[in-house]
Amino acid sequence: MKTSDFSYDLPKELIAQTPAEPRDSSRLMVLNKKTGEIAHRHFYDIVDFLNP
């Protein structure tokens, strides 16, 4: 993996200027490593993706 892989255009108007309220309602993008499927969830769902 190269740092250049993370070089992309991100318009300033798409960058949050204040945190989401409640904080855990912020968006979370999840990548399934086996299938390559991308899912859009909320940060409060992160426990569904953590291994015990």
N, C-alpha and C. Protein backbone atom coordinates (compact mmCIF):
# COMPACT_ATOMS: atom_id res chain seq x y z
N MET A 1 0.84 -1.16 0.00
CA MET A 1 0.00 0.00 0.00
C MET A 1 0.89 1.23 0.00
N LYS A 2 0.50 2.20 -0.80
CA LYS A 2 1.27 3.43 -0.91
C LYS A 2 0.43 4.61 -0.42
N THR A 3 1.10 5.62 0.10
CA THR A 3 0.35 6.80 0.53
C THR A 3 -0.34 7.46 -0.65
N SER A 4 0.19 7.29 -1.85
CA SER A 4 -0.46 7.87 -3.04
C SER A 4 -1.82 7.22 -3.30
N ASP A 5 -2.05 6.02 -2.76
CA ASP A 5 -3.36 5.37 -2.90
C ASP A 5 -4.46 6.17 -2.21
N PHE A 6 -4.06 7.04 -1.29
CA PHE A 6 -5.03 7.82 -0.52
C PHE A 6 -5.13 9.25 -1.02
N SER A 7 -4.61 9.52 -2.18
CA SER A 7 -4.66 10.86 -2.75
C SER A 7 -5.91 10.97 -3.63
N TYR A 8 -6.84 11.83 -3.24
CA TYR A 8 -8.07 12.02 -4.01
C TYR A 8 -8.62 13.41 -3.73
N ASP A 9 -9.50 13.85 -4.61
CA ASP A 9 -10.14 15.16 -4.44
C ASP A 9 -11.28 15.03 -3.44
N LEU A 10 -11.32 15.92 -2.48
CA LEU A 10 -12.40 15.98 -1.50
C LEU A 10 -12.85 17.42 -1.38
N PRO A 11 -14.00 17.74 -1.97
CA PRO A 11 -14.48 19.12 -1.92
C PRO A 11 -14.68 19.59 -0.47
N LYS A 12 -14.25 20.81 -0.18
CA LYS A 12 -14.34 21.35 1.18
C LYS A 12 -15.76 21.34 1.71
N GLU A 13 -16.76 21.50 0.82
CA GLU A 13 -18.15 21.53 1.29
C GLU A 13 -18.64 20.16 1.78
N LEU A 14 -17.87 19.10 1.52
CA LEU A 14 -18.23 17.77 2.01
C LEU A 14 -17.54 17.41 3.32
N ILE A 15 -16.72 18.30 3.83
CA ILE A 15 -16.02 18.07 5.09
C ILE A 15 -16.83 18.70 6.22
N ALA A 16 -17.17 17.89 7.22
CA ALA A 16 -17.98 18.38 8.34
C ALA A 16 -17.25 19.51 9.06
N GLN A 17 -17.99 20.55 9.38
CA GLN A 17 -17.42 21.69 10.10
C GLN A 17 -17.68 21.59 11.60
N THR A 18 -18.66 20.79 11.97
CA THR A 18 -18.97 20.54 13.38
C THR A 18 -19.26 19.05 13.54
N PRO A 19 -19.04 18.50 14.72
CA PRO A 19 -19.31 17.08 14.93
C PRO A 19 -20.81 16.78 14.89
N ALA A 20 -21.14 15.55 14.52
CA ALA A 20 -22.54 15.11 14.52
C ALA A 20 -23.06 15.06 15.95
N GLU A 21 -24.34 15.31 16.10
CA GLU A 21 -24.99 15.18 17.41
C GLU A 21 -26.16 14.23 17.27
N PRO A 22 -26.25 13.19 18.05
CA PRO A 22 -25.22 12.72 18.98
C PRO A 22 -23.99 12.23 18.23
N ARG A 23 -22.87 12.25 18.90
CA ARG A 23 -21.59 11.96 18.25
C ARG A 23 -21.56 10.61 17.54
N ASP A 24 -22.19 9.59 18.13
CA ASP A 24 -22.14 8.26 17.52
C ASP A 24 -23.09 8.11 16.33
N SER A 25 -23.78 9.18 15.95
CA SER A 25 -24.63 9.12 14.77
C SER A 25 -23.86 9.45 13.50
N SER A 26 -22.56 9.70 13.62
CA SER A 26 -21.75 9.98 12.43
C SER A 26 -21.73 8.75 11.52
N ARG A 27 -21.47 8.99 10.25
CA ARG A 27 -21.52 7.91 9.27
C ARG A 27 -20.25 7.07 9.31
N LEU A 28 -20.41 5.80 8.96
CA LEU A 28 -19.31 4.83 8.98
C LEU A 28 -19.38 4.02 7.69
N MET A 29 -18.29 4.00 6.94
CA MET A 29 -18.23 3.17 5.73
C MET A 29 -17.50 1.89 6.09
N VAL A 30 -18.11 0.75 5.75
CA VAL A 30 -17.57 -0.55 6.11
C VAL A 30 -17.28 -1.34 4.83
N LEU A 31 -16.09 -1.91 4.74
CA LEU A 31 -15.70 -2.72 3.59
C LEU A 31 -15.61 -4.18 4.00
N ASN A 32 -16.35 -5.04 3.31
CA ASN A 32 -16.25 -6.47 3.51
C ASN A 32 -15.02 -6.95 2.73
N LYS A 33 -13.99 -7.39 3.44
CA LYS A 33 -12.73 -7.76 2.78
C LYS A 33 -12.88 -8.97 1.87
N LYS A 34 -13.81 -9.86 2.16
CA LYS A 34 -13.98 -11.06 1.33
C LYS A 34 -14.70 -10.76 0.03
N THR A 35 -15.75 -9.94 0.09
CA THR A 35 -16.58 -9.70 -1.10
C THR A 35 -16.30 -8.36 -1.77
N GLY A 36 -15.65 -7.45 -1.06
CA GLY A 36 -15.42 -6.11 -1.60
C GLY A 36 -16.64 -5.22 -1.49
N GLU A 37 -17.71 -5.74 -0.88
CA GLU A 37 -18.94 -4.96 -0.72
C GLU A 37 -18.71 -3.81 0.26
N ILE A 38 -19.25 -2.65 -0.08
CA ILE A 38 -19.17 -1.48 0.78
C ILE A 38 -20.55 -1.22 1.36
N ALA A 39 -20.60 -1.02 2.68
CA ALA A 39 -21.86 -0.71 3.36
C ALA A 39 -21.72 0.63 4.07
N HIS A 40 -22.79 1.37 4.11
CA HIS A 40 -22.82 2.65 4.81
C HIS A 40 -23.66 2.47 6.06
N ARG A 41 -23.05 2.68 7.20
CA ARG A 41 -23.71 2.48 8.49
C ARG A 41 -23.49 3.72 9.34
N HIS A 42 -23.86 3.60 10.62
CA HIS A 42 -23.60 4.66 11.59
C HIS A 42 -22.54 4.16 12.57
N PHE A 43 -21.82 5.09 13.18
CA PHE A 43 -20.73 4.70 14.07
C PHE A 43 -21.22 3.87 15.25
N TYR A 44 -22.48 4.07 15.69
CA TYR A 44 -22.97 3.26 16.80
C TYR A 44 -23.08 1.78 16.42
N ASP A 45 -22.98 1.45 15.13
CA ASP A 45 -22.99 0.05 14.68
C ASP A 45 -21.61 -0.59 14.70
N ILE A 46 -20.58 0.13 15.08
CA ILE A 46 -19.21 -0.38 14.98
C ILE A 46 -19.01 -1.68 15.77
N VAL A 47 -19.75 -1.87 16.84
CA VAL A 47 -19.59 -3.09 17.64
C VAL A 47 -19.94 -4.34 16.83
N ASP A 48 -20.76 -4.18 15.78
CA ASP A 48 -21.10 -5.31 14.92
C ASP A 48 -19.91 -5.78 14.09
N PHE A 49 -18.87 -4.96 14.00
CA PHE A 49 -17.74 -5.27 13.13
C PHE A 49 -16.45 -5.54 13.90
N LEU A 50 -16.49 -5.48 15.22
CA LEU A 50 -15.30 -5.73 16.04
C LEU A 50 -15.26 -7.18 16.47
N ASN A 51 -14.08 -7.78 16.44
CA ASN A 51 -13.92 -9.16 16.90
C ASN A 51 -13.71 -9.15 18.41
N PRO A 52 -14.32 -10.13 19.10
CA PRO A 52 -14.14 -10.19 20.58
C PRO A 52 -12.72 -10.55 20.96
